[in-house]
Amino acid sequence: MTSVASTDRATSSDGTEIAYERTGDGPPLVLVHGTAGDHTDWQRVRPALDERFAVYALDRRGRGESVDTAKYALERELEDVAAVVDSVDEPVVLLGHSAGALYALEAALRTDNVERLVLYEPPIVEAGERLVPAETVARIEAHLDDGDREEAFTVFLREVAGESREDIEALKAAPAWGVGLETAHTIPREIRAIDDYRFDPDRFAAFTVPTLLLSGGESPPFMERATALVDKALPNTRVVTLPGAGHEAMNTAPESFVETVVESLRSPG
């Protein structure tokens, strides 16, 4: 059973207050959710994680209880994650999912307080590629303009995250569905920011933090290529595939997700 939660805040570099929910007991584990989510994205795996870790599940800016700013920039997201990590008084395991995995990866270069890193399919594209066609983003925005958040979120899950029809139906029964509808307006800005991001392997040549790369066995090929790109760039990585899972295993295969993470973190770095 999940322990009593407490909410605290870290102050990011630009003064923005970033909220996080603290539960559990043990070594610290910081969780960074993906696009169109908040700290409740982890609700199905939190009870099991709480038994083993002191869990810090943050709300990225503009979501949950974290403050938003008028001007959005990907760089601020990285600083937000680093601020939460630095607010913990001992080295942490930093786990990010999807866009949150990209921000966790970059944040790990901005703090000395990460002892292990877990990245679940960061959406990294190679030079000259785009995350999705501009037409897809335009359709998401058109649905948002029409007030149809459900269709906007569904297009994102199907055409950006590559979720199957079955996994989308499963997500509708999870807390993440309602949060996705509430935060759907943040999807276009984030896709554009990630499209503008360029992964530079040279910046990670000396990055020795042990890094676990999670990959869904049923995730789209793009996710597999992104994982391989990070695996090649970082000196100290291990790739673990979640059989039968897609991009949202913490919601669609929570037991497998927790077992994989816990067993992997038990192994030496």
C-alpha atoms as a PDB file:
ATOM      1  CA  MET A   1       0.000   0.000   0.000  1.00  0.00           C
ATOM      2  CA  THR A   2       1.321   3.461  -0.897  1.00  0.00           C
ATOM      3  CA  SER A   3       2.665   5.391   2.075  1.00  0.00           C
ATOM      4  CA  VAL A   4       1.334   8.775   3.111  1.00  0.00           C
ATOM      5  CA  ALA A   5       2.375  11.317   0.514  1.00  0.00           C
ATOM      6  CA  SER A   6       3.891  14.695   1.166  1.00  0.00           C
ATOM      7  CA  THR A   7       4.264  17.450  -1.402  1.00  0.00           C
ATOM      8  CA  ASP A   8       7.255  19.735  -1.547  1.00  0.00           C
ATOM      9  CA  ARG A   9       8.790  22.100  -4.099  1.00  0.00           C
ATOM     10  CA  ALA A  10      12.144  22.847  -5.622  1.00  0.00           C
ATOM     11  CA  THR A  11      13.026  26.182  -7.159  1.00  0.00           C
ATOM     12  CA  SER A  12      14.344  25.972 -10.712  1.00  0.00           C
ATOM     13  CA  SER A  13      17.028  28.234 -12.178  1.00  0.00           C
ATOM     14  CA  ASP A  14      14.476  30.728 -13.502  1.00  0.00           C
ATOM     15  CA  GLY A  15      12.603  30.873 -10.180  1.00  0.00           C
ATOM     16  CA  THR A  16       9.785  28.513 -11.232  1.00  0.00           C
ATOM     17  CA  GLU A  17       8.428  26.336  -8.426  1.00  0.00           C
ATOM     18  CA  ILE A  18       8.483  22.635  -9.361  1.00  0.00           C
ATOM     19  CA  ALA A  19       6.308  20.410  -7.172  1.00  0.00           C
ATOM     20  CA  TYR A  20       7.051  16.806  -6.343  1.00  0.00           C
ATOM     21  CA  GLU A  21       5.239  14.172  -4.306  1.00  0.00           C
ATOM     22  CA  ARG A  22       7.314  12.201  -1.805  1.00  0.00           C
ATOM     23  CA  THR A  23       6.332   8.656  -0.754  1.00  0.00           C
ATOM     24  CA  GLY A  24       7.999   5.460   0.411  1.00  0.00           C
ATOM     25  CA  ASP A  25      11.212   4.770   2.262  1.00  0.00           C
ATOM     26  CA  GLY A  26      14.664   3.730   1.112  1.00  0.00           C
ATOM     27  CA  PRO A  27      17.224   5.038  -1.368  1.00  0.00           C
ATOM     28  CA  PRO A  28      15.894   8.040  -3.313  1.00  0.00           C
ATOM     29  CA  LEU A  29      14.274   7.488  -6.720  1.00  0.00           C
ATOM     30  CA  VAL A  30      13.263  10.569  -8.756  1.00  0.00           C
ATOM     31  CA  LEU A  31      10.569   9.974 -11.400  1.00  0.00           C
ATOM     32  CA  VAL A  32      10.148  12.228 -14.452  1.00  0.00           C
ATOM     33  CA  HIS A  33       6.940  11.736 -16.439  1.00  0.00           C
ATOM     34  CA  GLY A  34       6.506  12.127 -20.187  1.00  0.00           C
ATOM     35  CA  THR A  35       4.396  14.380 -22.392  1.00  0.00           C
ATOM     36  CA  ALA A  36       0.781  15.115 -21.401  1.00  0.00           C
ATOM     37  CA  GLY A  37       1.246  13.735 -17.904  1.00  0.00           C
ATOM     38  CA  ASP A  38       2.019  14.573 -14.297  1.00  0.00           C
ATOM     39  CA  HIS A  39       3.245  12.707 -11.213  1.00  0.00           C
ATOM     40  CA  THR A  40       0.177  10.431 -11.286  1.00  0.00           C
ATOM     41  CA  ASP A  41       1.504   8.778 -14.471  1.00  0.00           C
ATOM     42  CA  TRP A  42       3.321   6.446 -12.073  1.00  0.00           C
ATOM     43  CA  GLN A  43       0.306   5.598  -9.927  1.00  0.00           C
ATOM     44  CA  ARG A  44       0.108   1.959 -10.987  1.00  0.00           C
ATOM     45  CA  VAL A  45       3.752   1.276 -10.066  1.00  0.00           C
ATOM     46  CA  ARG A  46       4.118   3.587  -7.076  1.00  0.00           C
ATOM     47  CA  PRO A  47       2.963   1.125  -4.355  1.00  0.00           C
ATOM     48  CA  ALA A  48       5.588  -1.431  -5.387  1.00  0.00           C
ATOM     49  CA  LEU A  49       8.288   1.226  -5.788  1.00  0.00           C
ATOM     50  CA  ASP A  50       7.381   2.759  -2.417  1.00  0.00           C
ATOM     51  CA  GLU A  51       8.254  -0.544  -0.742  1.00  0.00           C
ATOM     52  CA  ARG A  52      11.843  -0.234  -1.944  1.00  0.00           C
ATOM     53  CA  PHE A  53      12.551   3.465  -2.495  1.00  0.00           C
ATOM     54  CA  ALA A  54      11.913   6.960  -1.234  1.00  0.00           C
ATOM     55  CA  VAL A  55      10.068   8.087  -4.355  1.00  0.00           C
ATOM     56  CA  TYR A  56      10.100  11.690  -5.562  1.00  0.00           C
ATOM     57  CA  ALA A  57       7.554  11.982  -8.399  1.00  0.00           C
ATOM     58  CA  LEU A  58       7.697  15.454  -9.887  1.00  0.00           C
ATOM     59  CA  ASP A  59       5.140  17.492 -11.807  1.00  0.00           C
ATOM     60  CA  ARG A  60       6.881  19.039 -14.785  1.00  0.00           C
ATOM     61  CA  ARG A  61       6.262  22.749 -15.271  1.00  0.00           C
ATOM     62  CA  GLY A  62       2.716  23.631 -16.246  1.00  0.00           C
ATOM     63  CA  ARG A  63       1.353  20.323 -14.964  1.00  0.00           C
ATOM     64  CA  GLY A  64      -0.111  19.232 -11.655  1.00  0.00           C
ATOM     65  CA  GLU A  65       0.960  21.623  -8.921  1.00  0.00           C
ATOM     66  CA  SER A  66       4.005  23.013 -10.725  1.00  0.00           C
ATOM     67  CA  VAL A  67       3.952  26.566 -12.016  1.00  0.00           C
ATOM     68  CA  ASP A  68       4.013  27.367 -15.733  1.00  0.00           C
ATOM     69  CA  THR A  69       5.610  30.301 -17.507  1.00  0.00           C
ATOM     70  CA  ALA A  70       4.413  32.292 -20.504  1.00  0.00           C
ATOM     71  CA  LYS A  71       7.481  31.430 -22.583  1.00  0.00           C
ATOM     72  CA  TYR A  72       8.352  27.763 -22.994  1.00  0.00           C
ATOM     73  CA  ALA A  73      11.810  26.353 -23.675  1.00  0.00           C
ATOM     74  CA  LEU A  74      13.162  22.818 -23.463  1.00  0.00           C
ATOM     75  CA  GLU A  75      16.197  24.079 -21.536  1.00  0.00           C
ATOM     76  CA  ARG A  76      13.954  25.075 -18.636  1.00  0.00           C
ATOM     77  CA  GLU A  77      12.670  21.485 -18.351  1.00  0.00           C
ATOM     78  CA  LEU A  78      16.220  20.203 -17.944  1.00  0.00           C
ATOM     79  CA  GLU A  79      16.904  22.760 -15.228  1.00  0.00           C
ATOM     80  CA  ASP A  80      13.667  21.771 -13.467  1.00  0.00           C
ATOM     81  CA  VAL A  81      14.701  18.125 -13.234  1.00  0.00           C
ATOM     82  CA  ALA A  82      18.178  19.063 -12.011  1.00  0.00           C
ATOM     83  CA  ALA A  83      16.642  21.322  -9.345  1.00  0.00           C
ATOM     84  CA  VAL A  84      14.518  18.486  -7.952  1.00  0.00           C
ATOM     85  CA  VAL A  85      17.496  16.101  -7.995  1.00  0.00           C
ATOM     86  CA  ASP A  86      19.663  18.658  -6.183  1.00  0.00           C
ATOM     87  CA  SER A  87      16.953  19.170  -3.551  1.00  0.00           C
ATOM     88  CA  VAL A  88      17.482  15.595  -2.341  1.00  0.00           C
ATOM     89  CA  ASP A  89      20.195  15.320   0.300  1.00  0.00           C
ATOM     90  CA  GLU A  90      21.840  12.177  -1.091  1.00  0.00           C
ATOM     91  CA  PRO A  91      22.604  10.750  -4.559  1.00  0.00           C
ATOM     92  CA  VAL A  92      19.531   9.547  -6.432  1.00  0.00           C
ATOM     93  CA  VAL A  93      18.397   7.081  -9.028  1.00  0.00           C
ATOM     94  CA  LEU A  94      16.864   9.229 -11.777  1.00  0.00           C
ATOM     95  CA  LEU A  95      14.201   7.550 -13.917  1.00  0.00           C
ATOM     96  CA  GLY A  96      12.565   9.280 -16.882  1.00  0.00           C
ATOM     97  CA  HIS A  97       9.923   8.121 -19.338  1.00  0.00           C
ATOM     98  CA  SER A  98       9.640   9.322 -22.954  1.00  0.00           C
ATOM     99  CA  ALA A  99      10.189  13.099 -23.048  1.00  0.00           C
ATOM    100  CA  GLY A 100      10.953  12.818 -19.343  1.00  0.00           C
ATOM    101  CA  ALA A 101      13.770  10.402 -20.228  1.00  0.00           C
ATOM    102  CA  LEU A 102      15.291  12.976 -22.564  1.00  0.00           C
ATOM    103  CA  TYR A 103      15.110  15.636 -19.852  1.00  0.00           C
ATOM    104  CA  ALA A 104      16.525  13.226 -17.262  1.00  0.00           C
ATOM    105  CA  LEU A 105      19.446  12.423 -19.562  1.00  0.00           C
ATOM    106  CA  GLU A 106      20.279  16.078 -20.098  1.00  0.00           C
ATOM    107  CA  ALA A 107      19.663  16.980 -16.452  1.00  0.00           C
ATOM    108  CA  ALA A 108      22.207  14.348 -15.410  1.00  0.00           C
ATOM    109  CA  LEU A 109      24.873  16.529 -17.065  1.00  0.00           C
ATOM    110  CA  ARG A 110      23.750  19.464 -14.899  1.00  0.00           C
ATOM    111  CA  THR A 111      24.026  17.853 -11.469  1.00  0.00           C
ATOM    112  CA  ASP A 112      26.479  15.693  -9.545  1.00  0.00           C
ATOM    113  CA  ASN A 113      23.695  14.087  -7.493  1.00  0.00           C
ATOM    114  CA  VAL A 114      22.749  11.201  -9.841  1.00  0.00           C
ATOM    115  CA  GLU A 115      24.246   7.786  -9.055  1.00  0.00           C
ATOM    116  CA  ARG A 116      22.128   5.690 -11.455  1.00  0.00           C
ATOM    117  CA  LEU A 117      20.103   6.690 -14.504  1.00  0.00           C
ATOM    118  CA  VAL A 118      17.117   4.844 -16.007  1.00  0.00           C
ATOM    119  CA  LEU A 119      15.786   5.997 -19.386  1.00  0.00           C
ATOM    120  CA  TYR A 120      12.618   4.551 -20.891  1.00  0.00           C
ATOM    121  CA  GLU A 121      12.612   5.401 -24.619  1.00  0.00           C
ATOM    122  CA  PRO A 122      13.721   9.044 -24.879  1.00  0.00           C
ATOM    123  CA  PRO A 123      12.362  10.542 -28.154  1.00  0.00           C
ATOM    124  CA  ILE A 124      15.693  11.391 -29.756  1.00  0.00           C
ATOM    125  CA  VAL A 125      15.829  11.837 -33.521  1.00  0.00           C
ATOM    126  CA  GLU A 126      18.912  11.827 -35.699  1.00  0.00           C
ATOM    127  CA  ALA A 127      20.034  14.921 -37.590  1.00  0.00           C
ATOM    128  CA  GLY A 128      17.746  15.712 -40.501  1.00  0.00           C
ATOM    129  CA  GLU A 129      14.798  13.790 -39.051  1.00  0.00           C
ATOM    130  CA  ARG A 130      11.636  15.000 -37.326  1.00  0.00           C
ATOM    131  CA  LEU A 131       9.810  13.467 -34.392  1.00  0.00           C
ATOM    132  CA  VAL A 132       6.570  13.541 -36.402  1.00  0.00           C
ATOM    133  CA  PRO A 133       5.403  15.300 -39.565  1.00  0.00           C
ATOM    134  CA  ALA A 134       4.328  18.919 -39.101  1.00  0.00           C
ATOM    135  CA  GLU A 135       0.889  17.881 -40.359  1.00  0.00           C
ATOM    136  CA  THR A 136       0.436  15.657 -37.287  1.00  0.00           C
ATOM    137  CA  VAL A 137       1.132  18.556 -34.926  1.00  0.00           C
ATOM    138  CA  ALA A 138      -1.278  20.722 -36.934  1.00  0.00           C
ATOM    139  CA  ARG A 139      -4.040  18.123 -36.538  1.00  0.00           C
ATOM    140  CA  ILE A 140      -3.436  17.896 -32.786  1.00  0.00           C
ATOM    141  CA  GLU A 141      -3.704  21.689 -32.569  1.00  0.00           C
ATOM    142  CA  ALA A 142      -6.881  21.670 -34.693  1.00  0.00           C
ATOM    143  CA  HIS A 143      -8.510  19.189 -32.313  1.00  0.00           C
ATOM    144  CA  LEU A 144      -7.466  21.331 -29.364  1.00  0.00           C
ATOM    145  CA  ASP A 145      -8.911  24.435 -31.049  1.00  0.00           C
ATOM    146  CA  ASP A 146     -12.165  22.520 -31.494  1.00  0.00           C
ATOM    147  CA  GLY A 147     -12.173  21.622 -27.812  1.00  0.00           C
ATOM    148  CA  ASP A 148     -11.693  17.918 -28.564  1.00  0.00           C
ATOM    149  CA  ARG A 149      -8.922  17.042 -26.125  1.00  0.00           C
ATOM    150  CA  GLU A 150      -9.660  13.333 -26.315  1.00  0.00           C
ATOM    151  CA  GLU A 151      -8.987  13.186 -30.046  1.00  0.00           C
ATOM    152  CA  ALA A 152      -5.893  15.387 -29.672  1.00  0.00           C
ATOM    153  CA  PHE A 153      -4.498  13.059 -27.007  1.00  0.00           C
ATOM    154  CA  THR A 154      -5.433   9.965 -29.008  1.00  0.00           C
ATOM    155  CA  VAL A 155      -3.620  11.267 -32.112  1.00  0.00           C
ATOM    156  CA  PHE A 156      -0.558  11.905 -29.958  1.00  0.00           C
ATOM    157  CA  LEU A 157      -0.620   8.408 -28.471  1.00  0.00           C
ATOM    158  CA  ARG A 158      -1.226   6.696 -31.801  1.00  0.00           C
ATOM    159  CA  GLU A 159       0.987   8.710 -34.161  1.00  0.00           C
ATOM    160  CA  VAL A 160       3.723  10.058 -31.898  1.00  0.00           C
ATOM    161  CA  ALA A 161       4.075   7.507 -29.084  1.00  0.00           C
ATOM    162  CA  GLY A 162       3.163   4.641 -31.430  1.00  0.00           C
ATOM    163  CA  GLU A 163       0.678   3.066 -29.023  1.00  0.00           C
ATOM    164  CA  SER A 164      -1.512   0.245 -30.275  1.00  0.00           C
ATOM    165  CA  ARG A 165      -5.308   0.456 -30.224  1.00  0.00           C
ATOM    166  CA  GLU A 166      -5.309  -2.105 -27.405  1.00  0.00           C
ATOM    167  CA  ASP A 167      -2.861  -0.124 -25.263  1.00  0.00           C
ATOM    168  CA  ILE A 168      -4.818   3.092 -25.823  1.00  0.00           C
ATOM    169  CA  GLU A 169      -7.977   1.352 -24.614  1.00  0.00           C
ATOM    170  CA  ALA A 170      -6.064   0.063 -21.575  1.00  0.00           C
ATOM    171  CA  LEU A 171      -4.822   3.583 -20.838  1.00  0.00           C
ATOM    172  CA  LYS A 172      -8.394   4.853 -20.712  1.00  0.00           C
ATOM    173  CA  ALA A 173      -8.811   2.905 -17.475  1.00  0.00           C
ATOM    174  CA  ALA A 174      -5.650   4.404 -15.950  1.00  0.00           C
ATOM    175  CA  PRO A 175      -5.259   7.733 -14.113  1.00  0.00           C
ATOM    176  CA  ALA A 176      -2.913   8.793 -16.918  1.00  0.00           C
ATOM    177  CA  TRP A 177      -5.870   9.135 -19.307  1.00  0.00           C
ATOM    178  CA  GLY A 178      -7.583  11.924 -17.393  1.00  0.00           C
ATOM    179  CA  VAL A 179      -4.280  13.687 -16.842  1.00  0.00           C
ATOM    180  CA  GLY A 180      -3.503  13.391 -20.564  1.00  0.00           C
ATOM    181  CA  LEU A 181      -6.756  15.115 -21.442  1.00  0.00           C
ATOM    182  CA  GLU A 182      -6.112  17.862 -18.894  1.00  0.00           C
ATOM    183  CA  THR A 183      -2.596  18.570 -20.158  1.00  0.00           C
ATOM    184  CA  ALA A 184      -3.160  17.942 -23.881  1.00  0.00           C
ATOM    185  CA  HIS A 185      -2.602  21.622 -24.651  1.00  0.00           C
ATOM    186  CA  THR A 186       1.103  21.164 -23.780  1.00  0.00           C
ATOM    187  CA  ILE A 187       1.650  18.527 -26.494  1.00  0.00           C
ATOM    188  CA  PRO A 188       2.337  20.775 -29.531  1.00  0.00           C
ATOM    189  CA  ARG A 189       4.886  22.972 -27.765  1.00  0.00           C
ATOM    190  CA  GLU A 190       6.759  19.960 -26.491  1.00  0.00           C
ATOM    191  CA  ILE A 191       6.869  18.180 -29.849  1.00  0.00           C
ATOM    192  CA  ARG A 192       8.279  21.319 -31.488  1.00  0.00           C
ATOM    193  CA  ALA A 193      10.894  21.719 -28.748  1.00  0.00           C
ATOM    194  CA  ILE A 194      12.029  18.108 -29.098  1.00  0.00           C
ATOM    195  CA  ASP A 195      12.168  18.483 -32.885  1.00  0.00           C
ATOM    196  CA  ASP A 196      14.568  21.396 -32.397  1.00  0.00           C
ATOM    197  CA  TYR A 197      16.746  19.448 -29.935  1.00  0.00           C
ATOM    198  CA  ARG A 198      19.917  17.913 -31.339  1.00  0.00           C
ATOM    199  CA  PHE A 199      21.566  15.038 -29.522  1.00  0.00           C
ATOM    200  CA  ASP A 200      25.346  15.473 -29.430  1.00  0.00           C
ATOM    201  CA  PRO A 201      27.072  12.177 -28.503  1.00  0.00           C
ATOM    202  CA  ASP A 202      30.362  13.969 -27.833  1.00  0.00           C
ATOM    203  CA  ARG A 203      28.861  15.725 -24.823  1.00  0.00           C
ATOM    204  CA  PHE A 204      28.346  12.336 -23.157  1.00  0.00           C
ATOM    205  CA  ALA A 205      31.748  10.801 -23.933  1.00  0.00           C
ATOM    206  CA  ALA A 206      32.895  11.200 -20.321  1.00  0.00           C
ATOM    207  CA  PHE A 207      29.502  10.435 -18.738  1.00  0.00           C
ATOM    208  CA  THR A 208      30.172   7.402 -16.541  1.00  0.00           C
ATOM    209  CA  VAL A 209      26.921   7.200 -14.532  1.00  0.00           C
ATOM    210  CA  PRO A 210      25.564   3.628 -14.899  1.00  0.00           C
ATOM    211  CA  THR A 211      22.570   3.923 -17.231  1.00  0.00           C
ATOM    212  CA  LEU A 212      19.760   1.426 -17.770  1.00  0.00           C
ATOM    213  CA  LEU A 213      17.952   1.812 -21.093  1.00  0.00           C
ATOM    214  CA  LEU A 214      14.439   0.345 -21.096  1.00  0.00           C
ATOM    215  CA  SER A 215      12.814  -0.572 -24.388  1.00  0.00           C
ATOM    216  CA  GLY A 216       9.333  -1.932 -25.082  1.00  0.00           C
ATOM    217  CA  GLY A 217       9.317  -5.098 -27.148  1.00  0.00           C
ATOM    218  CA  GLU A 218       6.249  -3.829 -29.009  1.00  0.00           C
ATOM    219  CA  SER A 219       7.313  -0.193 -29.281  1.00  0.00           C
ATOM    220  CA  PRO A 220       7.638   1.333 -32.769  1.00  0.00           C
ATOM    221  CA  PRO A 221      11.000   1.086 -34.598  1.00  0.00           C
ATOM    222  CA  PHE A 222      11.657   4.776 -33.970  1.00  0.00           C
ATOM    223  CA  MET A 223      11.860   4.116 -30.228  1.00  0.00           C
ATOM    224  CA  GLU A 224      14.268   1.230 -30.775  1.00  0.00           C
ATOM    225  CA  ARG A 225      16.520   3.433 -32.929  1.00  0.00           C
ATOM    226  CA  ALA A 226      16.501   6.179 -30.294  1.00  0.00           C
ATOM    227  CA  THR A 227      17.482   3.710 -27.579  1.00  0.00           C
ATOM    228  CA  ALA A 228      20.306   2.375 -29.759  1.00  0.00           C
ATOM    229  CA  LEU A 229      21.533   5.924 -30.384  1.00  0.00           C
ATOM    230  CA  VAL A 230      21.840   6.604 -26.648  1.00  0.00           C
ATOM    231  CA  ASP A 231      23.337   3.182 -26.000  1.00  0.00           C
ATOM    232  CA  LYS A 232      26.079   3.889 -28.529  1.00  0.00           C
ATOM    233  CA  ALA A 233      26.847   7.347 -27.135  1.00  0.00           C
ATOM    234  CA  LEU A 234      27.025   6.643 -23.388  1.00  0.00           C
ATOM    235  CA  PRO A 235      30.028   4.687 -22.049  1.00  0.00           C
ATOM    236  CA  ASN A 236      28.245   2.762 -19.266  1.00  0.00           C
ATOM    237  CA  THR A 237      24.878   1.447 -20.439  1.00  0.00           C
ATOM    238  CA  ARG A 238      22.758  -1.679 -20.395  1.00  0.00           C
ATOM    239  CA  VAL A 239      19.647  -2.256 -22.509  1.00  0.00           C
ATOM    240  CA  VAL A 240      16.707  -4.275 -21.175  1.00  0.00           C
ATOM    241  CA  THR A 241      13.672  -5.014 -23.329  1.00  0.00           C
ATOM    242  CA  LEU A 242      10.224  -5.350 -21.772  1.00  0.00           C
ATOM    243  CA  PRO A 243       8.644  -8.282 -23.678  1.00  0.00           C
ATOM    244  CA  GLY A 244       5.144  -7.638 -24.995  1.00  0.00           C
ATOM    245  CA  ALA A 245       5.134  -4.021 -23.761  1.00  0.00           C
ATOM    246  CA  GLY A 246       4.925  -0.812 -25.724  1.00  0.00           C
ATOM    247  CA  HIS A 247       5.782   2.747 -24.745  1.00  0.00           C
ATOM    248  CA  GLU A 248       3.597   2.879 -21.608  1.00  0.00           C
ATOM    249  CA  ALA A 249       4.570  -0.238 -19.677  1.00  0.00           C
ATOM    250  CA  MET A 250       4.170   1.432 -16.281  1.00  0.00           C
ATOM    251  CA  ASN A 251       0.441   1.646 -17.101  1.00  0.00           C
ATOM    252  CA  THR A 252      -0.113  -1.335 -19.390  1.00  0.00           C
ATOM    253  CA  ALA A 253       2.342  -3.835 -17.799  1.00  0.00           C
ATOM    254  CA  PRO A 254       3.064  -2.409 -14.327  1.00  0.00           C
ATOM    255  CA  GLU A 255       4.267  -5.633 -12.692  1.00  0.00           C
ATOM    256  CA  SER A 256       6.761  -6.296 -15.474  1.00  0.00           C
ATOM    257  CA  PHE A 257       7.940  -2.690 -15.341  1.00  0.00           C
ATOM    258  CA  VAL A 258       8.611  -2.739 -11.585  1.00  0.00           C
ATOM    259  CA  GLU A 259      10.265  -6.164 -11.663  1.00  0.00           C
ATOM    260  CA  THR A 260      12.591  -5.087 -14.479  1.00  0.00           C
ATOM    261  CA  VAL A 261      13.567  -1.809 -12.823  1.00  0.00           C
ATOM    262  CA  VAL A 262      14.118  -3.325  -9.367  1.00  0.00           C
ATOM    263  CA  GLU A 263      16.123  -6.303 -10.635  1.00  0.00           C
ATOM    264  CA  SER A 264      18.250  -4.093 -12.880  1.00  0.00           C
ATOM    265  CA  LEU A 265      19.062  -1.666 -10.075  1.00  0.00           C
ATOM    266  CA  ARG A 266      20.163  -4.549  -7.844  1.00  0.00           C
ATOM    267  CA  SER A 267      22.923  -5.408 -10.282  1.00  0.00           C
ATOM    268  CA  PRO A 268      26.314  -3.657 -10.024  1.00  0.00           C
ATOM    269  CA  GLY A 269      26.659  -0.423 -12.000  1.00  0.00           C
END
